[in-house]
Every structure is written in structure tokens, then in C-alpha cells.
């Protein structure tokens, strides 16, 4: 279990990175050049016998000065290696990923260790419903039944309303809250950088959701603006979820190998890079081993010159 925090300047949005264990995946699942049909890319991932180094299963705790605490994703469940945890339709999960997680790594346990209960949260933002991003959701909602859970309309239409399809695609609907009634995000015509639409989560516009589809339909990323007393300026952070697994593959514009729309995934990567060319932004992928350092040192992403 590991964590890293941005320096907590006065009257700012503070970001803390938590890891709910680690995961190894197939390198061809992590990234591939964008060419090729989605089916062929998935087959290449499934047939890959190599493993990556262990990567964090990241969760972000966001503390807003006036609107409270939010979670961006909920990480993996400590029960994920239990027999029959995954639905029978999750045919390729064991072929593609291998999780290492202890009981104390669960997001609820980590919050409790910080003196935070699920009922203290203002909301949970799910980038998407894959098992390693929604694995802690049921525990959180069990402790706080009225907890708002934000999911984009497109993703809910694709996954939430079709649990059988969702389970085949890597979700665990058998572990979703029952009933599961999320707060649906409808993007409005409020441009933010290269995004024509966005969804401000906070009244001051410092925490804003944007569409980062491609990995799955309706995937969401998060833009966070925080004033730094140390630097006397606003620091912009971008949380891409699984839109990219790392800064290196973002640089190379290589989407993951298991999405069903590689061209849309590529467009999202290019949009993130366009945002970074026009705005000094710290990009914090959920599964990048370097994310704790990038957060702690507030390393601005430079698309044309690497880190």
C-alpha cells in the first residue's frame, strides 16, 4: 500500500494518490500502435504471454476547500483473488491481469486509516466500471447508502444497463451495489481546452469532468485546478483514468490493446496532448508507476519533449 500527496496549500484542492494493490498485465494490453481492427488487437493481447512490471491500481482522493472530499475511482477489491469473485462471463480476466492486494489495501480500509468514513465523502466519480476502478464501490455504498456515484450517461447506457455485456468487458456487476442508482453525468456545452463539452463538479469550476472515451464508451477524465501557495500560481492536474496507462504510451499515442474503438481512443490521447500543449498540466495516469513522483513534484507534462 502506498500513497503520495500534493502539497496542501491554503484554500486549494488537495490530491492524494492511493494504491489499492498492484496489477501485472500483458504488454500488448497496455499499449499497441493504433492501427488494426479492435478484434485483432484484443487477440494479440490475449495471446501475449509476457507480463509488465507490477503497476499501481490507483485511486485519487480529492479534497476541495469548501465542497468536501471526492474519490476518483475506487480501485480493486481485496476479494478479487477469491474463488468465484469474477462472473463466469469474465472469460479473459485471468489471462490478461494478475492482482496483488491485501485486505488493508482496500479503499474503504485506507479511508478508515485516515479517519475518513464513506459518509464523509461528497461523492465518487467513476472513470468507468471496469473491476479495478469500481472494485471498492460496494463497500463504500454499504457504509454510505446515499453516497452520490457519478457515471457518464454514455457509459451507463453501454455498461450499467447491460450487465452481461459489462461482465464480458471486464466489469463485475455481481459486486455492484443493489440497487445501483448512479448520478448520471450529462456533459454540457461548456468548453474546456480542446473539449467542447464538460461537466463542472464543483461550483467554482476547479473540478471538472470531461469525456475521454475510447478505452470504453463514456470513459471520463478529471481536470483539477489548485492554487499553490508555494508557487503562487494555479496548478492544473489531469486524471485520465485508463485513457492512457502511462506517460510513455501517451507520448507514443498508443491506445490500450483491449478497447473496442482504437480510433476514438487515439483521438482522446491526441486531445490530452493538445490540452497539455496549451496548458501547463500535471498528467497522473492511474496505472503509471511514476504517478506518485509526478504528483509530489508537480511535474508538468511536455508532449513534445517527454517528462
C-alpha atoms as a PDB file:
ATOM      1  CA  UNK A   1       0.000   0.000   0.000  1.00  0.00           C
ATOM      2  CA  UNK A   2       1.419   3.390  -0.961  1.00  0.00           C
ATOM      3  CA  UNK A   3       0.295   6.973  -1.229  1.00  0.00           C
ATOM      4  CA  UNK A   4       1.554  10.354  -2.319  1.00  0.00           C
ATOM      5  CA  UNK A   5       0.063  13.778  -1.747  1.00  0.00           C
ATOM      6  CA  UNK A   6       0.286  17.142  -3.431  1.00  0.00           C
ATOM      7  CA  UNK A   7       1.468  19.843  -1.034  1.00  0.00           C
ATOM      8  CA  UNK A   8      -1.679  21.170   0.688  1.00  0.00           C
ATOM      9  CA  UNK A   9      -1.603  24.943   0.016  1.00  0.00           C
ATOM     10  CA  UNK A  10      -4.159  27.146   1.754  1.00  0.00           C
ATOM     11  CA  UNK A  11      -7.602  27.289   0.127  1.00  0.00           C
ATOM     12  CA  UNK A  12      -6.620  24.794  -2.552  1.00  0.00           C
ATOM     13  CA  UNK A  13      -7.804  21.488  -3.907  1.00  0.00           C
ATOM     14  CA  UNK A  14      -5.590  18.768  -2.460  1.00  0.00           C
ATOM     15  CA  UNK A  15      -4.983  15.492  -4.324  1.00  0.00           C
ATOM     16  CA  UNK A  16      -3.826  12.280  -2.669  1.00  0.00           C
ATOM     17  CA  UNK A  17      -2.902   9.185  -4.656  1.00  0.00           C
ATOM     18  CA  UNK A  18      -3.706   5.814  -3.094  1.00  0.00           C
ATOM     19  CA  UNK A  19      -2.846   2.404  -4.492  1.00  0.00           C
ATOM     20  CA  UNK A  20      -5.237  -0.475  -3.910  1.00  0.00           C
ATOM     21  CA  UNK A  21      -2.614  -3.110  -4.573  1.00  0.00           C
ATOM     22  CA  UNK A  22      -0.785  -3.702  -7.836  1.00  0.00           C
ATOM     23  CA  UNK A  23      -1.528  -5.405 -11.122  1.00  0.00           C
ATOM     24  CA  UNK A  24       0.517  -7.023 -13.874  1.00  0.00           C
ATOM     25  CA  UNK A  25      -0.978  -7.038 -17.351  1.00  0.00           C
ATOM     26  CA  UNK A  26       0.070  -8.171 -20.806  1.00  0.00           C
ATOM     27  CA  UNK A  27       2.259  -5.592 -22.571  1.00  0.00           C
ATOM     28  CA  UNK A  28       0.038  -5.839 -25.647  1.00  0.00           C
ATOM     29  CA  UNK A  29      -2.912  -4.994 -23.416  1.00  0.00           C
ATOM     30  CA  UNK A  30      -1.122  -1.947 -22.022  1.00  0.00           C
ATOM     31  CA  UNK A  31      -0.499  -0.435 -25.445  1.00  0.00           C
ATOM     32  CA  UNK A  32      -0.350  -1.089 -29.155  1.00  0.00           C
ATOM     33  CA  UNK A  33       0.093   1.146 -32.195  1.00  0.00           C
ATOM     34  CA  UNK A  34      -3.377   2.415 -33.130  1.00  0.00           C
ATOM     35  CA  UNK A  35      -3.630   0.538 -36.431  1.00  0.00           C
ATOM     36  CA  UNK A  36      -5.630  -2.658 -36.755  1.00  0.00           C
ATOM     37  CA  UNK A  37      -9.134  -3.842 -36.061  1.00  0.00           C
ATOM     38  CA  UNK A  38     -10.264  -3.951 -32.433  1.00  0.00           C
ATOM     39  CA  UNK A  39     -10.768  -7.732 -32.567  1.00  0.00           C
ATOM     40  CA  UNK A  40      -7.247  -8.323 -33.870  1.00  0.00           C
ATOM     41  CA  UNK A  41      -5.819  -6.058 -31.175  1.00  0.00           C
ATOM     42  CA  UNK A  42      -7.673  -7.990 -28.479  1.00  0.00           C
ATOM     43  CA  UNK A  43      -6.470 -11.312 -29.836  1.00  0.00           C
ATOM     44  CA  UNK A  44      -2.913 -10.005 -29.787  1.00  0.00           C
ATOM     45  CA  UNK A  45      -3.361  -9.056 -26.121  1.00  0.00           C
ATOM     46  CA  UNK A  46      -4.854 -12.422 -25.194  1.00  0.00           C
ATOM     47  CA  UNK A  47      -2.070 -14.329 -26.967  1.00  0.00           C
ATOM     48  CA  UNK A  48       0.712 -12.270 -25.391  1.00  0.00           C
ATOM     49  CA  UNK A  49       2.486 -14.467 -22.804  1.00  0.00           C
ATOM     50  CA  UNK A  50       4.616 -11.699 -21.292  1.00  0.00           C
ATOM     51  CA  UNK A  51       3.826  -9.618 -18.185  1.00  0.00           C
ATOM     52  CA  UNK A  52       4.511  -5.992 -17.356  1.00  0.00           C
ATOM     53  CA  UNK A  53       6.167  -4.999 -14.113  1.00  0.00           C
ATOM     54  CA  UNK A  54       3.627  -4.543 -11.281  1.00  0.00           C
ATOM     55  CA  UNK A  55       1.674  -1.331 -11.760  1.00  0.00           C
ATOM     56  CA  UNK A  56      -0.369   0.581  -9.166  1.00  0.00           C
ATOM     57  CA  UNK A  57      -4.139   0.247  -9.074  1.00  0.00           C
ATOM     58  CA  UNK A  58      -4.695   3.922  -8.446  1.00  0.00           C
ATOM     59  CA  UNK A  59      -7.396   5.884  -6.650  1.00  0.00           C
ATOM     60  CA  UNK A  60      -7.396   9.654  -6.148  1.00  0.00           C
ATOM     61  CA  UNK A  61      -8.748  11.344  -3.036  1.00  0.00           C
ATOM     62  CA  UNK A  62      -9.638  14.947  -3.841  1.00  0.00           C
ATOM     63  CA  UNK A  63     -10.213  17.429  -1.037  1.00  0.00           C
ATOM     64  CA  UNK A  64     -11.988  20.625  -2.068  1.00  0.00           C
ATOM     65  CA  UNK A  65     -11.735  23.562   0.321  1.00  0.00           C
ATOM     66  CA  UNK A  66     -15.488  24.163   0.525  1.00  0.00           C
ATOM     67  CA  UNK A  67     -17.222  21.198  -1.102  1.00  0.00           C
ATOM     68  CA  UNK A  68     -15.526  18.362   0.713  1.00  0.00           C
ATOM     69  CA  UNK A  69     -13.990  15.051  -0.284  1.00  0.00           C
ATOM     70  CA  UNK A  70     -14.386  13.185  -3.564  1.00  0.00           C
ATOM     71  CA  UNK A  71     -12.940   9.906  -4.792  1.00  0.00           C
ATOM     72  CA  UNK A  72     -11.913   9.446  -8.391  1.00  0.00           C
ATOM     73  CA  UNK A  73     -12.407   5.687  -8.851  1.00  0.00           C
ATOM     74  CA  UNK A  74     -12.470   3.099  -6.059  1.00  0.00           C
ATOM     75  CA  UNK A  75      -9.703   0.706  -7.071  1.00  0.00           C
ATOM     76  CA  UNK A  76      -9.698  -3.073  -6.795  1.00  0.00           C
ATOM     77  CA  UNK A  77     -11.438  -5.193  -4.160  1.00  0.00           C
ATOM     78  CA  UNK A  78      -9.260  -7.121  -1.681  1.00  0.00           C
ATOM     79  CA  UNK A  79     -11.533 -10.077  -2.507  1.00  0.00           C
ATOM     80  CA  UNK A  80     -10.636 -10.100  -6.189  1.00  0.00           C
ATOM     81  CA  UNK A  81      -8.482 -13.241  -5.894  1.00  0.00           C
ATOM     82  CA  UNK A  82     -11.183 -15.190  -4.071  1.00  0.00           C
ATOM     83  CA  UNK A  83     -12.676 -18.127  -5.894  1.00  0.00           C
ATOM     84  CA  UNK A  84     -15.753 -17.187  -7.939  1.00  0.00           C
ATOM     85  CA  UNK A  85     -15.227 -13.461  -7.378  1.00  0.00           C
ATOM     86  CA  UNK A  86     -15.377 -12.764 -11.092  1.00  0.00           C
ATOM     87  CA  UNK A  87     -18.526 -13.659 -13.050  1.00  0.00           C
ATOM     88  CA  UNK A  88     -18.292 -16.702 -15.321  1.00  0.00           C
ATOM     89  CA  UNK A  89     -18.572 -14.443 -18.344  1.00  0.00           C
ATOM     90  CA  UNK A  90     -15.262 -12.765 -17.439  1.00  0.00           C
ATOM     91  CA  UNK A  91     -13.561 -15.201 -19.779  1.00  0.00           C
ATOM     92  CA  UNK A  92     -10.239 -13.440 -20.238  1.00  0.00           C
ATOM     93  CA  UNK A  93      -9.617 -11.768 -16.894  1.00  0.00           C
ATOM     94  CA  UNK A  94      -7.090 -14.338 -15.618  1.00  0.00           C
ATOM     95  CA  UNK A  95      -5.314 -14.317 -18.974  1.00  0.00           C
ATOM     96  CA  UNK A  96      -4.878 -10.567 -19.049  1.00  0.00           C
ATOM     97  CA  UNK A  97      -4.286  -9.440 -15.472  1.00  0.00           C
ATOM     98  CA  UNK A  98      -2.826 -10.603 -12.173  1.00  0.00           C
ATOM     99  CA  UNK A  99      -3.605  -8.637  -8.997  1.00  0.00           C
ATOM    100  CA  UNK A 100      -1.667  -8.460  -5.755  1.00  0.00           C
ATOM    101  CA  UNK A 101      -3.746  -6.889  -2.999  1.00  0.00           C
ATOM    102  CA  UNK A 102      -4.035  -7.288   0.754  1.00  0.00           C
ATOM    103  CA  UNK A 103      -7.068  -6.676   2.956  1.00  0.00           C
ATOM    104  CA  UNK A 104      -5.680  -3.372   4.175  1.00  0.00           C
ATOM    105  CA  UNK A 105      -5.225  -2.154   0.591  1.00  0.00           C
ATOM    106  CA  UNK A 106      -8.970  -1.783   0.013  1.00  0.00           C
ATOM    107  CA  UNK A 107     -10.087   1.810  -0.475  1.00  0.00           C
ATOM    108  CA  UNK A 108     -12.513   1.698   2.449  1.00  0.00           C
ATOM    109  CA  UNK A 109      -9.804   0.396   4.794  1.00  0.00           C
ATOM    110  CA  UNK A 110      -7.421   3.104   3.599  1.00  0.00           C
ATOM    111  CA  UNK A 111     -10.013   5.815   4.174  1.00  0.00           C
ATOM    112  CA  UNK A 112     -10.672   4.493   7.666  1.00  0.00           C
ATOM    113  CA  UNK A 113      -6.948   4.623   8.341  1.00  0.00           C
ATOM    114  CA  UNK A 114      -7.080   8.335   7.544  1.00  0.00           C
ATOM    115  CA  UNK A 115     -10.057   8.898   9.804  1.00  0.00           C
ATOM    116  CA  UNK A 116     -12.480   9.150   6.883  1.00  0.00           C
ATOM    117  CA  UNK A 117     -15.745   7.260   6.590  1.00  0.00           C
ATOM    118  CA  UNK A 118     -17.589   6.762   3.312  1.00  0.00           C
ATOM    119  CA  UNK A 119     -20.349   9.008   4.676  1.00  0.00           C
ATOM    120  CA  UNK A 120     -17.786  11.846   4.837  1.00  0.00           C
ATOM    121  CA  UNK A 121     -17.426  11.797   1.051  1.00  0.00           C
ATOM    122  CA  UNK A 122     -19.282  14.274  -1.135  1.00  0.00           C
ATOM    123  CA  UNK A 123     -19.239  11.802  -3.988  1.00  0.00           C
ATOM    124  CA  UNK A 124     -17.453   9.123  -6.000  1.00  0.00           C
ATOM    125  CA  UNK A 125     -16.530   9.699  -9.638  1.00  0.00           C
ATOM    126  CA  UNK A 126     -16.116   6.532 -11.678  1.00  0.00           C
ATOM    127  CA  UNK A 127     -13.994   6.928 -14.780  1.00  0.00           C
ATOM    128  CA  UNK A 128     -15.616   3.644 -15.831  1.00  0.00           C
ATOM    129  CA  UNK A 129     -16.927   0.390 -14.386  1.00  0.00           C
ATOM    130  CA  UNK A 130     -14.024  -1.993 -15.001  1.00  0.00           C
ATOM    131  CA  UNK A 131     -13.324  -4.176 -11.965  1.00  0.00           C
ATOM    132  CA  UNK A 132     -10.111  -2.399 -10.938  1.00  0.00           C
ATOM    133  CA  UNK A 133     -11.816   1.007 -10.935  1.00  0.00           C
ATOM    134  CA  UNK A 134     -15.131   0.083  -9.324  1.00  0.00           C
ATOM    135  CA  UNK A 135     -13.936  -2.752  -7.059  1.00  0.00           C
ATOM    136  CA  UNK A 136     -14.367  -0.797  -3.834  1.00  0.00           C
ATOM    137  CA  UNK A 137     -17.738   0.680  -4.739  1.00  0.00           C
ATOM    138  CA  UNK A 138     -19.969  -1.846  -2.991  1.00  0.00           C
ATOM    139  CA  UNK A 139     -18.130  -1.458   0.331  1.00  0.00           C
ATOM    140  CA  UNK A 140     -18.349   2.318   0.124  1.00  0.00           C
ATOM    141  CA  UNK A 141     -22.062   2.332  -0.656  1.00  0.00           C
ATOM    142  CA  UNK A 142     -22.719  -0.250   2.058  1.00  0.00           C
ATOM    143  CA  UNK A 143     -21.286   2.209   4.572  1.00  0.00           C
ATOM    144  CA  UNK A 144     -22.923   5.261   2.958  1.00  0.00           C
ATOM    145  CA  UNK A 145     -26.094   4.227   1.054  1.00  0.00           C
ATOM    146  CA  UNK A 146     -26.814   7.798  -0.106  1.00  0.00           C
ATOM    147  CA  UNK A 147     -23.323   8.364  -1.496  1.00  0.00           C
ATOM    148  CA  UNK A 148     -23.548  10.003  -4.969  1.00  0.00           C
ATOM    149  CA  UNK A 149     -21.760   7.925  -7.623  1.00  0.00           C
ATOM    150  CA  UNK A 150     -21.089   9.799 -10.873  1.00  0.00           C
ATOM    151  CA  UNK A 151     -21.079   7.881 -14.171  1.00  0.00           C
ATOM    152  CA  UNK A 152     -21.399   9.321 -17.671  1.00  0.00           C
ATOM    153  CA  UNK A 153     -24.657   8.710 -19.478  1.00  0.00           C
ATOM    154  CA  UNK A 154     -22.904   7.029 -22.416  1.00  0.00           C
ATOM    155  CA  UNK A 155     -21.091   4.609 -20.116  1.00  0.00           C
ATOM    156  CA  UNK A 156     -24.210   3.804 -18.101  1.00  0.00           C
ATOM    157  CA  UNK A 157     -26.121   3.130 -21.331  1.00  0.00           C
ATOM    158  CA  UNK A 158     -23.333   0.819 -22.541  1.00  0.00           C
ATOM    159  CA  UNK A 159     -22.395  -0.971 -19.293  1.00  0.00           C
ATOM    160  CA  UNK A 160     -24.815  -0.173 -16.494  1.00  0.00           C
ATOM    161  CA  UNK A 161     -27.926  -1.158 -18.399  1.00  0.00           C
ATOM    162  CA  UNK A 162     -26.300  -4.272 -19.874  1.00  0.00           C
ATOM    163  CA  UNK A 163     -24.571  -6.154 -17.014  1.00  0.00           C
ATOM    164  CA  UNK A 164     -23.964  -9.291 -19.089  1.00  0.00           C
ATOM    165  CA  UNK A 165     -22.079  -7.289 -21.692  1.00  0.00           C
ATOM    166  CA  UNK A 166     -20.318  -5.342 -18.939  1.00  0.00           C
ATOM    167  CA  UNK A 167     -19.096  -8.547 -17.280  1.00  0.00           C
ATOM    168  CA  UNK A 168     -17.688  -9.829 -20.563  1.00  0.00           C
ATOM    169  CA  UNK A 169     -15.905  -6.475 -20.978  1.00  0.00           C
ATOM    170  CA  UNK A 170     -14.175  -6.607 -17.581  1.00  0.00           C
ATOM    171  CA  UNK A 171     -16.732  -5.274 -15.098  1.00  0.00           C
ATOM    172  CA  UNK A 172     -18.090  -7.132 -12.081  1.00  0.00           C
ATOM    173  CA  UNK A 173     -21.824  -6.329 -11.981  1.00  0.00           C
ATOM    174  CA  UNK A 174     -22.256  -9.160  -9.457  1.00  0.00           C
ATOM    175  CA  UNK A 175     -20.484  -6.838  -6.991  1.00  0.00           C
ATOM    176  CA  UNK A 176     -22.236  -3.582  -7.827  1.00  0.00           C
ATOM    177  CA  UNK A 177     -24.485  -2.082  -5.136  1.00  0.00           C
ATOM    178  CA  UNK A 178     -28.061  -3.380  -5.169  1.00  0.00           C
ATOM    179  CA  UNK A 179     -29.905  -1.305  -6.167  1.00  0.00           C
ATOM    180  CA  UNK A 180     -27.368   0.651  -8.190  1.00  0.00           C
ATOM    181  CA  UNK A 181     -28.702   4.112  -8.999  1.00  0.00           C
ATOM    182  CA  UNK A 182     -25.784   6.348 -10.008  1.00  0.00           C
ATOM    183  CA  UNK A 183     -25.861  10.063 -10.627  1.00  0.00           C
ATOM    184  CA  UNK A 184     -25.748  10.398 -14.403  1.00  0.00           C
ATOM    185  CA  UNK A 185     -23.323  12.894 -15.910  1.00  0.00           C
ATOM    186  CA  UNK A 186     -24.636  14.766 -18.941  1.00  0.00           C
ATOM    187  CA  UNK A 187     -21.925  16.891 -20.493  1.00  0.00           C
ATOM    188  CA  UNK A 188     -22.979  20.455 -21.310  1.00  0.00           C
ATOM    189  CA  UNK A 189     -21.730  22.931 -23.907  1.00  0.00           C
ATOM    190  CA  UNK A 190     -19.071  24.396 -21.629  1.00  0.00           C
ATOM    191  CA  UNK A 191     -15.731  24.239 -23.480  1.00  0.00           C
ATOM    192  CA  UNK A 192     -12.585  23.374 -21.566  1.00  0.00           C
ATOM    193  CA  UNK A 193      -9.388  23.389 -23.603  1.00  0.00           C
ATOM    194  CA  UNK A 194      -9.898  21.011 -26.560  1.00  0.00           C
ATOM    195  CA  UNK A 195     -13.121  19.612 -25.079  1.00  0.00           C
ATOM    196  CA  UNK A 196     -16.246  21.269 -26.431  1.00  0.00           C
ATOM    197  CA  UNK A 197     -18.285  19.924 -23.540  1.00  0.00           C
ATOM    198  CA  UNK A 198     -17.617  19.388 -19.859  1.00  0.00           C
ATOM    199  CA  UNK A 199     -19.318  18.832 -16.501  1.00  0.00           C
ATOM    200  CA  UNK A 200     -18.232  21.088 -13.610  1.00  0.00           C
ATOM    201  CA  UNK A 201     -18.441  19.037 -10.425  1.00  0.00           C
ATOM    202  CA  UNK A 202     -17.764  21.939  -8.069  1.00  0.00           C
ATOM    203  CA  UNK A 203     -19.435  25.334  -8.114  1.00  0.00           C
ATOM    204  CA  UNK A 204     -16.150  27.181  -8.559  1.00  0.00           C
ATOM    205  CA  UNK A 205     -15.215  25.095 -11.616  1.00  0.00           C
ATOM    206  CA  UNK A 206     -11.991  23.810 -10.085  1.00  0.00           C
ATOM    207  CA  UNK A 207     -13.013  20.143 -10.508  1.00  0.00           C
ATOM    208  CA  UNK A 208     -14.394  19.343 -13.950  1.00  0.00           C
ATOM    209  CA  UNK A 209     -15.262  16.106 -15.753  1.00  0.00           C
ATOM    210  CA  UNK A 210     -14.530  15.628 -19.462  1.00  0.00           C
ATOM    211  CA  UNK A 211     -15.133  12.835 -21.950  1.00  0.00           C
ATOM    212  CA  UNK A 212     -12.135  10.554 -22.524  1.00  0.00           C
ATOM    213  CA  UNK A 213     -13.871   7.732 -24.376  1.00  0.00           C
ATOM    214  CA  UNK A 214     -12.072   5.030 -26.318  1.00  0.00           C
ATOM    215  CA  UNK A 215     -10.910   2.630 -23.639  1.00  0.00           C
ATOM    216  CA  UNK A 216     -14.643   2.113 -23.116  1.00  0.00           C
ATOM    217  CA  UNK A 217     -17.640   4.145 -24.262  1.00  0.00           C
ATOM    218  CA  UNK A 218     -18.284   7.091 -21.978  1.00  0.00           C
ATOM    219  CA  UNK A 219     -14.998   6.898 -20.079  1.00  0.00           C
ATOM    220  CA  UNK A 220     -14.419  10.096 -18.048  1.00  0.00           C
ATOM    221  CA  UNK A 221     -11.300  12.016 -17.096  1.00  0.00           C
ATOM    222  CA  UNK A 222     -10.976  14.741 -14.473  1.00  0.00           C
ATOM    223  CA  UNK A 223      -9.412  18.209 -14.632  1.00  0.00           C
ATOM    224  CA  UNK A 224      -8.458  19.674 -11.236  1.00  0.00           C
ATOM    225  CA  UNK A 225      -7.213  23.223 -10.720  1.00  0.00           C
ATOM    226  CA  UNK A 226      -5.474  24.004  -7.437  1.00  0.00           C
ATOM    227  CA  UNK A 227      -3.812  27.225  -6.302  1.00  0.00           C
ATOM    228  CA  UNK A 228      -0.328  26.632  -4.937  1.00  0.00           C
ATOM    229  CA  UNK A 229       0.844  28.998  -2.202  1.00  0.00           C
ATOM    230  CA  UNK A 230       4.361  27.679  -2.740  1.00  0.00           C
ATOM    231  CA  UNK A 231       4.488  28.660  -6.416  1.00  0.00           C
ATOM    232  CA  UNK A 232       1.914  31.471  -6.190  1.00  0.00           C
ATOM    233  CA  UNK A 233       0.087  30.110  -9.188  1.00  0.00           C
ATOM    234  CA  UNK A 234      -2.662  27.718 -10.214  1.00  0.00           C
ATOM    235  CA  UNK A 235      -1.552  24.146 -10.842  1.00  0.00           C
ATOM    236  CA  UNK A 236      -3.671  22.095 -13.257  1.00  0.00           C
ATOM    237  CA  UNK A 237      -3.869  18.330 -12.858  1.00  0.00           C
ATOM    238  CA  UNK A 238      -5.402  15.871 -15.292  1.00  0.00           C
ATOM    239  CA  UNK A 239      -6.560  12.422 -14.181  1.00  0.00           C
ATOM    240  CA  UNK A 240      -7.005  10.293 -17.325  1.00  0.00           C
ATOM    241  CA  UNK A 241      -8.098   7.042 -15.658  1.00  0.00           C
ATOM    242  CA  UNK A 242      -7.485   4.320 -18.248  1.00  0.00           C
ATOM    243  CA  UNK A 243      -7.453   6.673 -21.221  1.00  0.00           C
ATOM    244  CA  UNK A 244      -3.732   6.002 -21.042  1.00  0.00           C
ATOM    245  CA  UNK A 245      -1.784   3.538 -18.889  1.00  0.00           C
ATOM    246  CA  UNK A 246       1.308   5.728 -18.726  1.00  0.00           C
ATOM    247  CA  UNK A 247       3.071   8.883 -19.866  1.00  0.00           C
ATOM    248  CA  UNK A 248       5.287   6.877 -22.215  1.00  0.00           C
ATOM    249  CA  UNK A 249       2.401   5.413 -24.206  1.00  0.00           C
ATOM    250  CA  UNK A 250       0.644   8.780 -24.198  1.00  0.00           C
ATOM    251  CA  UNK A 251       3.772  10.242 -25.799  1.00  0.00           C
ATOM    252  CA  UNK A 252       3.756   7.492 -28.433  1.00  0.00           C
ATOM    253  CA  UNK A 253      -0.014   7.840 -28.958  1.00  0.00           C
ATOM    254  CA  UNK A 254      -0.565   4.129 -28.377  1.00  0.00           C
ATOM    255  CA  UNK A 255      -4.002   3.198 -27.009  1.00  0.00           C
ATOM    256  CA  UNK A 256      -4.558   0.081 -24.943  1.00  0.00           C
ATOM    257  CA  UNK A 257      -4.982  -3.228 -26.756  1.00  0.00           C
ATOM    258  CA  UNK A 258      -8.414  -4.279 -25.498  1.00  0.00           C
ATOM    259  CA  UNK A 259     -10.658  -1.329 -26.317  1.00  0.00           C
ATOM    260  CA  UNK A 260     -13.413  -1.655 -28.902  1.00  0.00           C
ATOM    261  CA  UNK A 261     -12.691   1.668 -30.640  1.00  0.00           C
ATOM    262  CA  UNK A 262      -8.949   2.280 -31.136  1.00  0.00           C
ATOM    263  CA  UNK A 263      -9.515   5.339 -33.326  1.00  0.00           C
ATOM    264  CA  UNK A 264     -11.632   7.014 -30.665  1.00  0.00           C
ATOM    265  CA  UNK A 265      -9.029   6.087 -28.072  1.00  0.00           C
ATOM    266  CA  UNK A 266      -6.367   7.676 -30.282  1.00  0.00           C
ATOM    267  CA  UNK A 267      -8.432  10.861 -30.604  1.00  0.00           C
ATOM    268  CA  UNK A 268      -8.624  11.045 -26.821  1.00  0.00           C
ATOM    269  CA  UNK A 269      -4.842  10.704 -26.479  1.00  0.00           C
ATOM    270  CA  UNK A 270      -4.335  13.481 -29.010  1.00  0.00           C
ATOM    271  CA  UNK A 271      -6.871  15.667 -27.202  1.00  0.00           C
ATOM    272  CA  UNK A 272      -4.997  15.195 -23.913  1.00  0.00           C
ATOM    273  CA  UNK A 273      -1.753  16.170 -25.620  1.00  0.00           C
ATOM    274  CA  UNK A 274      -3.398  19.205 -27.196  1.00  0.00           C
ATOM    275  CA  UNK A 275      -4.588  20.251 -23.752  1.00  0.00           C
ATOM    276  CA  UNK A 276      -1.052  19.860 -22.420  1.00  0.00           C
ATOM    277  CA  UNK A 277       0.439  21.948 -25.240  1.00  0.00           C
ATOM    278  CA  UNK A 278      -1.780  24.896 -24.361  1.00  0.00           C
ATOM    279  CA  UNK A 279      -1.938  24.468 -20.573  1.00  0.00           C
ATOM    280  CA  UNK A 280       0.753  23.570 -18.062  1.00  0.00           C
ATOM    281  CA  UNK A 281      -0.745  20.348 -16.738  1.00  0.00           C
ATOM    282  CA  UNK A 282       0.409  17.519 -14.471  1.00  0.00           C
ATOM    283  CA  UNK A 283      -0.932  14.288 -16.015  1.00  0.00           C
ATOM    284  CA  UNK A 284      -1.495  11.496 -13.475  1.00  0.00           C
ATOM    285  CA  UNK A 285      -2.380   8.103 -15.015  1.00  0.00           C
ATOM    286  CA  UNK A 286      -3.966   5.650 -12.588  1.00  0.00           C
ATOM    287  CA  UNK A 287      -1.583   2.809 -13.503  1.00  0.00           C
ATOM    288  CA  UNK A 288       1.719   4.628 -14.017  1.00  0.00           C
ATOM    289  CA  UNK A 289       4.419   3.609 -11.536  1.00  0.00           C
ATOM    290  CA  UNK A 290       5.757   7.167 -11.735  1.00  0.00           C
ATOM    291  CA  UNK A 291       2.493   8.867 -10.753  1.00  0.00           C
ATOM    292  CA  UNK A 292       3.487   9.376  -7.064  1.00  0.00           C
ATOM    293  CA  UNK A 293       6.582  11.305  -8.167  1.00  0.00           C
ATOM    294  CA  UNK A 294       4.724  13.282 -10.818  1.00  0.00           C
ATOM    295  CA  UNK A 295       2.183  14.325  -8.186  1.00  0.00           C
ATOM    296  CA  UNK A 296       4.639  15.107  -5.405  1.00  0.00           C
ATOM    297  CA  UNK A 297       6.931  17.146  -7.663  1.00  0.00           C
ATOM    298  CA  UNK A 298       4.084  18.592  -9.759  1.00  0.00           C
ATOM    299  CA  UNK A 299       5.880  17.586 -12.957  1.00  0.00           C
ATOM    300  CA  UNK A 300       4.327  19.350 -15.934  1.00  0.00           C
ATOM    301  CA  UNK A 301       3.787  17.095 -18.928  1.00  0.00           C
ATOM    302  CA  UNK A 302       5.514  18.332 -22.097  1.00  0.00           C
ATOM    303  CA  UNK A 303       4.119  16.326 -25.047  1.00  0.00           C
ATOM    304  CA  UNK A 304       6.933  17.179 -27.442  1.00  0.00           C
ATOM    305  CA  UNK A 305       9.857  16.674 -25.080  1.00  0.00           C
ATOM    306  CA  UNK A 306       8.921  13.798 -22.740  1.00  0.00           C
ATOM    307  CA  UNK A 307       8.903  14.228 -18.969  1.00  0.00           C
END
